[in-house]
Amino acid sequence: MRCDGSVQRAEEDVVEENLRLRRENQQLRDTNELLKLASAFFASELDPQRRK
């Protein structure tokens, strides 16, 4: 079995896709954390027990 350019390119594509997906996952985790914090903030603002 020989390792020609198309096989090497396919491996590079997999590596690039893996890196892209890792970046995307981190962005989604960051967004999810921000949304959790925002929802907790707004929920506390709506709490009827909280007096201003």
PDB file of N, CA and C in Angstrom:
ATOM      1  N   MET A   1       0.847  -1.180   0.000  1.00  0.00           N
ATOM      2  CA  MET A   1       0.000   0.000   0.000  1.00  0.00           C
ATOM      3  C   MET A   1       0.888   1.237   0.000  1.00  0.00           C
ATOM      4  N   ARG A   2       0.666   2.073  -0.938  1.00  0.00           N
ATOM      5  CA  ARG A   2       1.491   3.276  -1.010  1.00  0.00           C
ATOM      6  C   ARG A   2       0.743   4.480  -0.456  1.00  0.00           C
ATOM      7  N   CYS A   3       1.484   5.391   0.087  1.00  0.00           N
ATOM      8  CA  CYS A   3       0.913   6.605   0.662  1.00  0.00           C
ATOM      9  C   CYS A   3       1.094   7.726  -0.351  1.00  0.00           C
ATOM     10  N   ASP A   4       0.074   7.952  -1.176  1.00  0.00           N
ATOM     11  CA  ASP A   4       0.204   8.998  -2.189  1.00  0.00           C
ATOM     12  C   ASP A   4      -0.345  10.322  -1.672  1.00  0.00           C
ATOM     13  N   GLY A   5      -0.340  11.319  -2.509  1.00  0.00           N
ATOM     14  CA  GLY A   5      -0.762  12.660  -2.110  1.00  0.00           C
ATOM     15  C   GLY A   5      -2.205  12.735  -1.664  1.00  0.00           C
ATOM     16  N   SER A   6      -3.080  11.947  -2.278  1.00  0.00           N
ATOM     17  CA  SER A   6      -4.496  12.017  -1.906  1.00  0.00           C
ATOM     18  C   SER A   6      -4.737  11.491  -0.488  1.00  0.00           C
ATOM     19  N   VAL A   7      -4.001  10.467  -0.088  1.00  0.00           N
ATOM     20  CA  VAL A   7      -4.131   9.936   1.268  1.00  0.00           C
ATOM     21  C   VAL A   7      -3.601  10.951   2.273  1.00  0.00           C
ATOM     22  N   GLN A   8      -2.459  11.534   1.954  1.00  0.00           N
ATOM     23  CA  GLN A   8      -1.888  12.545   2.846  1.00  0.00           C
ATOM     24  C   GLN A   8      -2.824  13.736   2.954  1.00  0.00           C
ATOM     25  N   ARG A   9      -3.397  14.160   1.831  1.00  0.00           N
ATOM     26  CA  ARG A   9      -4.322  15.299   1.843  1.00  0.00           C
ATOM     27  C   ARG A   9      -5.563  14.962   2.667  1.00  0.00           C
ATOM     28  N   ALA A  10      -6.063  13.753   2.565  1.00  0.00           N
ATOM     29  CA  ALA A  10      -7.228  13.334   3.346  1.00  0.00           C
ATOM     30  C   ALA A  10      -6.909  13.396   4.838  1.00  0.00           C
ATOM     31  N   GLU A  11      -5.708  12.980   5.214  1.00  0.00           N
ATOM     32  CA  GLU A  11      -5.307  13.050   6.621  1.00  0.00           C
ATOM     33  C   GLU A  11      -5.219  14.498   7.089  1.00  0.00           C
ATOM     34  N   GLU A  12      -4.690  15.372   6.230  1.00  0.00           N
ATOM     35  CA  GLU A  12      -4.611  16.793   6.570  1.00  0.00           C
ATOM     36  C   GLU A  12      -6.008  17.389   6.724  1.00  0.00           C
ATOM     37  N   ASP A  13      -6.930  16.961   5.856  1.00  0.00           N
ATOM     38  CA  ASP A  13      -8.311  17.444   5.953  1.00  0.00           C
ATOM     39  C   ASP A  13      -8.945  17.033   7.281  1.00  0.00           C
ATOM     40  N   VAL A  14      -8.661  15.818   7.708  1.00  0.00           N
ATOM     41  CA  VAL A  14      -9.208  15.332   8.981  1.00  0.00           C
ATOM     42  C   VAL A  14      -8.631  16.145  10.138  1.00  0.00           C
ATOM     43  N   VAL A  15      -7.353  16.423  10.096  1.00  0.00           N
ATOM     44  CA  VAL A  15      -6.707  17.220  11.149  1.00  0.00           C
ATOM     45  C   VAL A  15      -7.291  18.627  11.182  1.00  0.00           C
ATOM     46  N   GLU A  16      -7.443  19.247  10.006  1.00  0.00           N
ATOM     47  CA  GLU A  16      -8.014  20.594   9.933  1.00  0.00           C
ATOM     48  C   GLU A  16      -9.446  20.617  10.452  1.00  0.00           C
ATOM     49  N   GLU A  17     -10.237  19.621  10.056  1.00  0.00           N
ATOM     50  CA  GLU A  17     -11.627  19.551  10.508  1.00  0.00           C
ATOM     51  C   GLU A  17     -11.692  19.359  12.022  1.00  0.00           C
ATOM     52  N   ASN A  18     -10.805  18.543  12.555  1.00  0.00           N
ATOM     53  CA  ASN A  18     -10.747  18.318  13.998  1.00  0.00           C
ATOM     54  C   ASN A  18     -10.447  19.623  14.731  1.00  0.00           C
ATOM     55  N   LEU A  19      -9.488  20.388  14.236  1.00  0.00           N
ATOM     56  CA  LEU A  19      -9.150  21.675  14.848  1.00  0.00           C
ATOM     57  C   LEU A  19     -10.323  22.646  14.769  1.00  0.00           C
ATOM     58  N   ARG A  20     -10.991  22.677  13.611  1.00  0.00           N
ATOM     59  CA  ARG A  20     -12.143  23.558  13.443  1.00  0.00           C
ATOM     60  C   ARG A  20     -13.257  23.192  14.426  1.00  0.00           C
ATOM     61  N   LEU A  21     -13.507  21.918  14.570  1.00  0.00           N
ATOM     62  CA  LEU A  21     -14.562  21.465  15.479  1.00  0.00           C
ATOM     63  C   LEU A  21     -14.206  21.748  16.939  1.00  0.00           C
ATOM     64  N   ARG A  22     -12.941  21.632  17.291  1.00  0.00           N
ATOM     65  CA  ARG A  22     -12.515  21.959  18.656  1.00  0.00           C
ATOM     66  C   ARG A  22     -12.743  23.445  18.952  1.00  0.00           C
ATOM     67  N   ARG A  23     -12.401  24.306  17.979  1.00  0.00           N
ATOM     68  CA  ARG A  23     -12.639  25.744  18.153  1.00  0.00           C
ATOM     69  C   ARG A  23     -14.131  26.026  18.281  1.00  0.00           C
ATOM     70  N   GLU A  24     -14.915  25.398  17.419  1.00  0.00           N
ATOM     71  CA  GLU A  24     -16.362  25.607  17.461  1.00  0.00           C
ATOM     72  C   GLU A  24     -16.947  25.129  18.795  1.00  0.00           C
ATOM     73  N   ASN A  25     -16.492  23.987  19.272  1.00  0.00           N
ATOM     74  CA  ASN A  25     -16.966  23.476  20.565  1.00  0.00           C
ATOM     75  C   ASN A  25     -16.644  24.452  21.687  1.00  0.00           C
ATOM     76  N   GLN A  26     -15.438  25.023  21.666  1.00  0.00           N
ATOM     77  CA  GLN A  26     -15.062  25.983  22.710  1.00  0.00           C
ATOM     78  C   GLN A  26     -15.938  27.226  22.638  1.00  0.00           C
ATOM     79  N   GLN A  27     -16.210  27.698  21.433  1.00  0.00           N
ATOM     80  CA  GLN A  27     -17.085  28.861  21.277  1.00  0.00           C
ATOM     81  C   GLN A  27     -18.479  28.563  21.809  1.00  0.00           C
ATOM     82  N   LEU A  28     -18.979  27.377  21.526  1.00  0.00           N
ATOM     83  CA  LEU A  28     -20.310  26.996  22.005  1.00  0.00           C
ATOM     84  C   LEU A  28     -20.334  26.849  23.527  1.00  0.00           C
ATOM     85  N   ARG A  29     -19.262  26.307  24.105  1.00  0.00           N
ATOM     86  CA  ARG A  29     -19.180  26.220  25.568  1.00  0.00           C
ATOM     87  C   ARG A  29     -19.182  27.616  26.194  1.00  0.00           C
ATOM     88  N   ASP A  30     -18.403  28.529  25.598  1.00  0.00           N
ATOM     89  CA  ASP A  30     -18.351  29.901  26.107  1.00  0.00           C
ATOM     90  C   ASP A  30     -19.724  30.568  26.016  1.00  0.00           C
ATOM     91  N   THR A  31     -20.398  30.393  24.884  1.00  0.00           N
ATOM     92  CA  THR A  31     -21.729  30.973  24.701  1.00  0.00           C
ATOM     93  C   THR A  31     -22.719  30.373  25.691  1.00  0.00           C
ATOM     94  N   ASN A  32     -22.641  29.082  25.890  1.00  0.00           N
ATOM     95  CA  ASN A  32     -23.536  28.410  26.828  1.00  0.00           C
ATOM     96  C   ASN A  32     -23.328  28.943  28.252  1.00  0.00           C
ATOM     97  N   GLU A  33     -22.083  29.137  28.641  1.00  0.00           N
ATOM     98  CA  GLU A  33     -21.778  29.664  29.971  1.00  0.00           C
ATOM     99  C   GLU A  33     -22.336  31.077  30.122  1.00  0.00           C
ATOM    100  N   LEU A  34     -22.165  31.901  29.101  1.00  0.00           N
ATOM    101  CA  LEU A  34     -22.697  33.256  29.126  1.00  0.00           C
ATOM    102  C   LEU A  34     -24.217  33.249  29.251  1.00  0.00           C
ATOM    103  N   LEU A  35     -24.868  32.377  28.502  1.00  0.00           N
ATOM    104  CA  LEU A  35     -26.328  32.297  28.573  1.00  0.00           C
ATOM    105  C   LEU A  35     -26.805  31.814  29.941  1.00  0.00           C
ATOM    106  N   LYS A  36     -26.072  30.896  30.544  1.00  0.00           N
ATOM    107  CA  LYS A  36     -26.427  30.439  31.893  1.00  0.00           C
ATOM    108  C   LYS A  36     -26.328  31.590  32.892  1.00  0.00           C
ATOM    109  N   LEU A  37     -25.238  32.344  32.802  1.00  0.00           N
ATOM    110  CA  LEU A  37     -25.063  33.473  33.714  1.00  0.00           C
ATOM    111  C   LEU A  37     -26.146  34.529  33.497  1.00  0.00           C
ATOM    112  N   ALA A  38     -26.461  34.818  32.246  1.00  0.00           N
ATOM    113  CA  ALA A  38     -27.485  35.815  31.939  1.00  0.00           C
ATOM    114  C   ALA A  38     -28.854  35.358  32.437  1.00  0.00           C
ATOM    115  N   SER A  39     -29.176  34.095  32.244  1.00  0.00           N
ATOM    116  CA  SER A  39     -30.482  33.609  32.694  1.00  0.00           C
ATOM    117  C   SER A  39     -30.571  33.627  34.217  1.00  0.00           C
ATOM    118  N   ALA A  40     -29.480  33.321  34.898  1.00  0.00           N
ATOM    119  CA  ALA A  40     -29.478  33.388  36.361  1.00  0.00           C
ATOM    120  C   ALA A  40     -29.664  34.829  36.828  1.00  0.00           C
ATOM    121  N   PHE A  41     -29.008  35.761  36.154  1.00  0.00           N
ATOM    122  CA  PHE A  41     -29.157  37.168  36.502  1.00  0.00           C
ATOM    123  C   PHE A  41     -30.601  37.619  36.329  1.00  0.00           C
ATOM    124  N   PHE A  42     -31.184  37.341  35.163  1.00  0.00           N
ATOM    125  CA  PHE A  42     -32.550  37.789  34.917  1.00  0.00           C
ATOM    126  C   PHE A  42     -33.559  37.061  35.800  1.00  0.00           C
ATOM    127  N   ALA A  43     -33.309  35.819  36.124  1.00  0.00           N
ATOM    128  CA  ALA A  43     -34.194  35.095  37.034  1.00  0.00           C
ATOM    129  C   ALA A  43     -34.159  35.741  38.414  1.00  0.00           C
ATOM    130  N   SER A  44     -32.979  36.176  38.853  1.00  0.00           N
ATOM    131  CA  SER A  44     -32.895  36.817  40.167  1.00  0.00           C
ATOM    132  C   SER A  44     -33.598  38.171  40.148  1.00  0.00           C
ATOM    133  N   GLU A  45     -33.579  38.847  39.002  1.00  0.00           N
ATOM    134  CA  GLU A  45     -34.278  40.130  38.883  1.00  0.00           C
ATOM    135  C   GLU A  45     -35.794  39.953  38.964  1.00  0.00           C
ATOM    136  N   LEU A  46     -36.292  38.803  38.541  1.00  0.00           N
ATOM    137  CA  LEU A  46     -37.720  38.536  38.541  1.00  0.00           C
ATOM    138  C   LEU A  46     -38.211  37.888  39.836  1.00  0.00           C
ATOM    139  N   ASP A  47     -37.311  37.589  40.743  1.00  0.00           N
ATOM    140  CA  ASP A  47     -37.657  36.918  41.993  1.00  0.00           C
ATOM    141  C   ASP A  47     -38.540  37.843  42.838  1.00  0.00           C
ATOM    142  N   PRO A  48     -39.771  37.408  43.123  1.00  0.00           N
ATOM    143  CA  PRO A  48     -40.672  38.277  43.897  1.00  0.00           C
ATOM    144  C   PRO A  48     -40.215  38.501  45.343  1.00  0.00           C
ATOM    145  N   GLN A  49     -39.363  37.649  45.857  1.00  0.00           N
ATOM    146  CA  GLN A  49     -38.866  37.797  47.224  1.00  0.00           C
ATOM    147  C   GLN A  49     -37.800  38.889  47.329  1.00  0.00           C
ATOM    148  N   ARG A  50     -37.251  39.258  46.204  1.00  0.00           N
ATOM    149  CA  ARG A  50     -36.181  40.263  46.201  1.00  0.00           C
ATOM    150  C   ARG A  50     -36.800  41.660  46.252  1.00  0.00           C
ATOM    151  N   ARG A  51     -36.395  42.420  47.220  1.00  0.00           N
ATOM    152  CA  ARG A  51     -36.896  43.796  47.369  1.00  0.00           C
ATOM    153  C   ARG A  51     -35.807  44.766  47.018  1.00  0.00           C
ATOM    154  N   LYS A  52     -36.156  45.762  46.243  1.00  0.00           N
ATOM    155  CA  LYS A  52     -35.174  46.782  45.866  1.00  0.00           C
ATOM    156  C   LYS A  52     -35.220  47.949  46.808  1.00  0.00           C
TER     157      LYS A  52
END
